[in-house]
């Protein structure tokens, strides 16, 4: 059993890591997850070797970004929990906010559409998001405003589909992510 302790990063290494993540978020956000490490390094103002020192593979970089995305999304949904109000309206508002964050970013759409780095749901932000979403569901179900059989997995599936629709819409397909979301939410509503 290994007892290797992780040392905190030096200040300059921490700054480089933050610059790399910001550059990756910008590159992936504009062009998707196919962006090249060389472009990310150039945007960050560091060498390619520096990128690989922090993130040994492109998948490691994508996973780090996914973790940051899910943490922000979990923060947003947890904040929604504190707002109070009509349970269905609170749930729907959280979904709309999440969708608006997602569709503005090509990489985020690709991630929520089912990228391998997020498929198992094990990132801490994903777990926090699942817990907050479960609370929203329970409140709306207790108020008999949401289908009793709706689950967190249903919401994940809805958002996964949103990622596909938004990506297709961005590529020129005659799809409307807002209409997709309206129909999906209507399917979760109690009759």
Protein backbone atom coordinates (compact mmCIF):
# COMPACT_ATOMS: atom_id res chain seq x y z
CA UNK A 1 0.00 0.00 0.00
CA UNK A 2 1.41 3.37 -1.05
CA UNK A 3 1.72 6.17 1.46
CA UNK A 4 2.95 8.80 -0.99
CA UNK A 5 1.72 12.20 0.13
CA UNK A 6 0.71 14.74 -2.51
CA UNK A 7 2.65 17.94 -2.06
CA UNK A 8 0.91 21.21 -2.83
CA UNK A 9 1.97 22.81 -6.10
CA UNK A 10 4.47 25.65 -6.07
CA UNK A 11 2.85 29.03 -6.79
CA UNK A 12 4.23 29.18 -10.36
CA UNK A 13 3.12 25.61 -11.08
CA UNK A 14 -0.35 26.36 -9.70
CA UNK A 15 -0.58 29.47 -11.92
CA UNK A 16 0.48 27.42 -14.96
CA UNK A 17 -2.12 24.78 -14.17
CA UNK A 18 -4.82 27.45 -13.88
CA UNK A 19 -3.70 29.07 -17.16
CA UNK A 20 -3.80 25.68 -18.89
CA UNK A 21 -7.30 24.94 -17.60
CA UNK A 22 -8.53 28.39 -18.67
CA UNK A 23 -6.97 28.00 -22.11
CA UNK A 24 -8.40 24.48 -22.47
CA UNK A 25 -11.85 25.73 -21.45
CA UNK A 26 -11.65 28.47 -24.09
CA UNK A 27 -10.32 26.19 -26.85
CA UNK A 28 -12.70 23.33 -26.09
CA UNK A 29 -15.57 25.76 -25.56
CA UNK A 30 -15.08 27.21 -29.04
CA UNK A 31 -14.06 24.16 -31.04
CA UNK A 32 -15.00 21.12 -28.98
CA UNK A 33 -12.93 18.38 -27.45
CA UNK A 34 -10.97 17.82 -30.65
CA UNK A 35 -8.90 20.94 -29.96
CA UNK A 36 -5.19 20.18 -29.98
CA UNK A 37 -2.85 20.36 -26.99
CA UNK A 38 -0.51 22.59 -29.01
CA UNK A 39 -3.29 25.19 -29.36
CA UNK A 40 -4.07 24.99 -25.65
CA UNK A 41 -0.38 25.44 -24.74
CA UNK A 42 -0.12 28.45 -27.08
CA UNK A 43 -3.25 30.04 -25.58
CA UNK A 44 -1.92 29.44 -22.06
CA UNK A 45 1.49 30.87 -22.92
CA UNK A 46 3.29 27.70 -21.85
CA UNK A 47 5.12 24.91 -23.62
CA UNK A 48 3.48 21.65 -24.62
CA UNK A 49 5.70 19.89 -22.08
CA UNK A 50 4.24 22.03 -19.31
CA UNK A 51 0.73 20.97 -20.31
CA UNK A 52 1.75 17.31 -20.22
CA UNK A 53 3.51 17.76 -16.87
CA UNK A 54 0.19 18.81 -15.35
CA UNK A 55 -2.05 16.57 -17.48
CA UNK A 56 -0.24 13.45 -18.74
CA UNK A 57 -2.95 12.79 -21.34
CA UNK A 58 -5.57 14.81 -23.13
CA UNK A 59 -8.19 12.69 -21.35
CA UNK A 60 -6.74 13.81 -18.00
CA UNK A 61 -7.16 17.44 -19.11
CA UNK A 62 -10.72 16.80 -20.30
CA UNK A 63 -11.54 15.08 -17.00
CA UNK A 64 -10.15 18.03 -15.01
CA UNK A 65 -12.31 20.40 -17.05
CA UNK A 66 -15.34 18.15 -16.65
CA UNK A 67 -14.76 18.18 -12.89
CA UNK A 68 -14.69 21.99 -12.90
CA UNK A 69 -17.85 22.15 -15.05
CA UNK A 70 -19.75 19.79 -12.77
CA UNK A 71 -18.61 21.68 -9.66
CA UNK A 72 -19.98 24.93 -11.13
CA UNK A 73 -23.21 23.21 -12.14
CA UNK A 74 -23.58 21.62 -8.69
CA UNK A 75 -23.03 25.06 -7.11
CA UNK A 76 -25.80 26.48 -9.30
CA UNK A 77 -28.31 23.72 -8.51
CA UNK A 78 -27.47 23.82 -4.79
CA UNK A 79 -28.09 27.58 -4.83
CA UNK A 80 -31.47 26.89 -6.44
CA UNK A 81 -32.34 24.63 -3.51
CA UNK A 82 -32.01 27.60 -1.18
CA UNK A 83 -34.37 29.82 -3.17
CA UNK A 84 -37.58 28.17 -2.06
CA UNK A 85 -40.83 28.69 -3.89
CA UNK A 86 -43.04 26.42 -5.95
CA UNK A 87 -41.24 23.05 -6.21
CA UNK A 88 -41.91 22.58 -9.94
CA UNK A 89 -40.86 26.14 -10.77
CA UNK A 90 -37.66 25.72 -8.75
CA UNK A 91 -36.86 22.43 -10.50
CA UNK A 92 -37.60 23.86 -13.97
CA UNK A 93 -35.51 26.97 -13.23
CA UNK A 94 -32.55 24.80 -12.24
CA UNK A 95 -32.86 22.79 -15.46
CA UNK A 96 -33.11 25.94 -17.61
CA UNK A 97 -30.06 27.50 -15.90
CA UNK A 98 -28.10 24.30 -16.42
CA UNK A 99 -29.14 24.14 -20.06
CA UNK A 100 -28.17 27.74 -20.73
CA UNK A 101 -24.72 27.11 -19.25
CA UNK A 102 -24.34 23.99 -21.37
CA UNK A 103 -25.41 25.26 -24.78
CA UNK A 104 -23.01 28.20 -24.61
CA UNK A 105 -20.02 25.83 -24.58
CA UNK A 106 -19.23 23.26 -27.30
CA UNK A 107 -17.14 21.08 -24.98
CA UNK A 108 -19.76 21.09 -22.25
CA UNK A 109 -22.34 19.86 -24.76
CA UNK A 110 -19.97 17.10 -25.86
CA UNK A 111 -19.31 16.15 -22.24
CA UNK A 112 -22.95 15.96 -21.18
CA UNK A 113 -23.81 14.14 -24.38
CA UNK A 114 -21.93 11.19 -22.94
CA UNK A 115 -18.16 11.65 -23.18
CA UNK A 116 -16.23 8.76 -21.62
CA UNK A 117 -14.63 11.01 -18.97
CA UNK A 118 -18.00 11.58 -17.30
CA UNK A 119 -19.85 8.36 -18.15
CA UNK A 120 -19.48 6.67 -14.76
CA UNK A 121 -20.71 9.67 -12.75
CA UNK A 122 -17.86 9.43 -10.26
CA UNK A 123 -16.57 13.01 -10.32
CA UNK A 124 -17.25 14.83 -7.02
CA UNK A 125 -19.24 17.55 -8.80
CA UNK A 126 -21.39 14.93 -10.48
CA UNK A 127 -22.15 13.35 -7.13
CA UNK A 128 -23.07 16.72 -5.59
CA UNK A 129 -25.19 17.52 -8.63
CA UNK A 130 -27.01 14.18 -8.36
CA UNK A 131 -27.77 14.78 -4.68
CA UNK A 132 -29.09 18.30 -5.30
CA UNK A 133 -31.15 17.11 -8.28
CA UNK A 134 -32.60 14.28 -6.17
CA UNK A 135 -33.72 16.83 -3.59
CA UNK A 136 -35.39 18.95 -6.28
CA UNK A 137 -37.14 15.84 -7.64
CA UNK A 138 -38.32 14.76 -4.19
CA UNK A 139 -39.77 18.20 -3.46
CA UNK A 140 -41.64 18.37 -6.77
CA UNK A 141 -42.89 14.79 -6.35
CA UNK A 142 -44.05 15.47 -2.77
CA UNK A 143 -46.04 18.42 -4.13
CA UNK A 144 -47.49 16.04 -6.78
CA UNK A 145 -46.14 18.29 -9.52
CA UNK A 146 -43.73 15.74 -10.98
CA UNK A 147 -44.23 12.19 -12.10
CA UNK A 148 -43.75 9.86 -9.17
CA UNK A 149 -41.52 7.58 -11.21
CA UNK A 150 -39.11 10.35 -12.35
CA UNK A 151 -35.49 9.75 -11.34
CA UNK A 152 -32.17 11.54 -11.36
CA UNK A 153 -31.21 9.25 -14.24
CA UNK A 154 -34.16 10.64 -16.23
CA UNK A 155 -32.78 14.14 -15.71
CA UNK A 156 -29.30 12.95 -16.75
CA UNK A 157 -30.81 11.44 -19.89
CA UNK A 158 -32.67 14.66 -20.63
CA UNK A 159 -29.47 16.69 -20.29
CA UNK A 160 -27.48 14.16 -22.31
CA UNK A 161 -30.00 14.57 -25.12
CA UNK A 162 -29.76 18.34 -24.74
CA UNK A 163 -26.03 18.06 -25.41
CA UNK A 164 -26.71 16.15 -28.63
CA UNK A 165 -29.43 18.57 -29.77
CA UNK A 166 -27.36 21.69 -29.01
CA UNK A 167 -24.34 20.20 -30.81
CA UNK A 168 -26.46 19.32 -33.85
CA UNK A 169 -28.11 22.75 -33.81
CA UNK A 170 -24.70 24.42 -33.71
CA UNK A 171 -23.67 22.31 -36.73
CA UNK A 172 -26.67 23.62 -38.69
CA UNK A 173 -29.32 20.97 -38.04
CA UNK A 174 -32.87 22.25 -37.89
CA UNK A 175 -33.24 21.59 -34.19
CA UNK A 176 -34.10 23.87 -31.32
CA UNK A 177 -32.62 23.03 -27.93
CA UNK A 178 -35.24 25.19 -26.18
CA UNK A 179 -38.12 23.24 -27.73
CA UNK A 180 -36.37 19.97 -26.88
CA UNK A 181 -36.06 21.06 -23.25
CA UNK A 182 -39.69 22.24 -23.07
CA UNK A 183 -40.88 18.86 -24.33
CA UNK A 184 -38.55 16.99 -21.97
CA UNK A 185 -39.72 18.96 -18.95
CA UNK A 186 -43.33 18.44 -19.97
CA UNK A 187 -42.66 14.70 -19.93
CA UNK A 188 -41.54 14.90 -16.30
CA UNK A 189 -44.56 16.89 -15.12
CA UNK A 190 -47.32 15.15 -13.21
CA UNK A 191 -50.62 14.87 -15.04
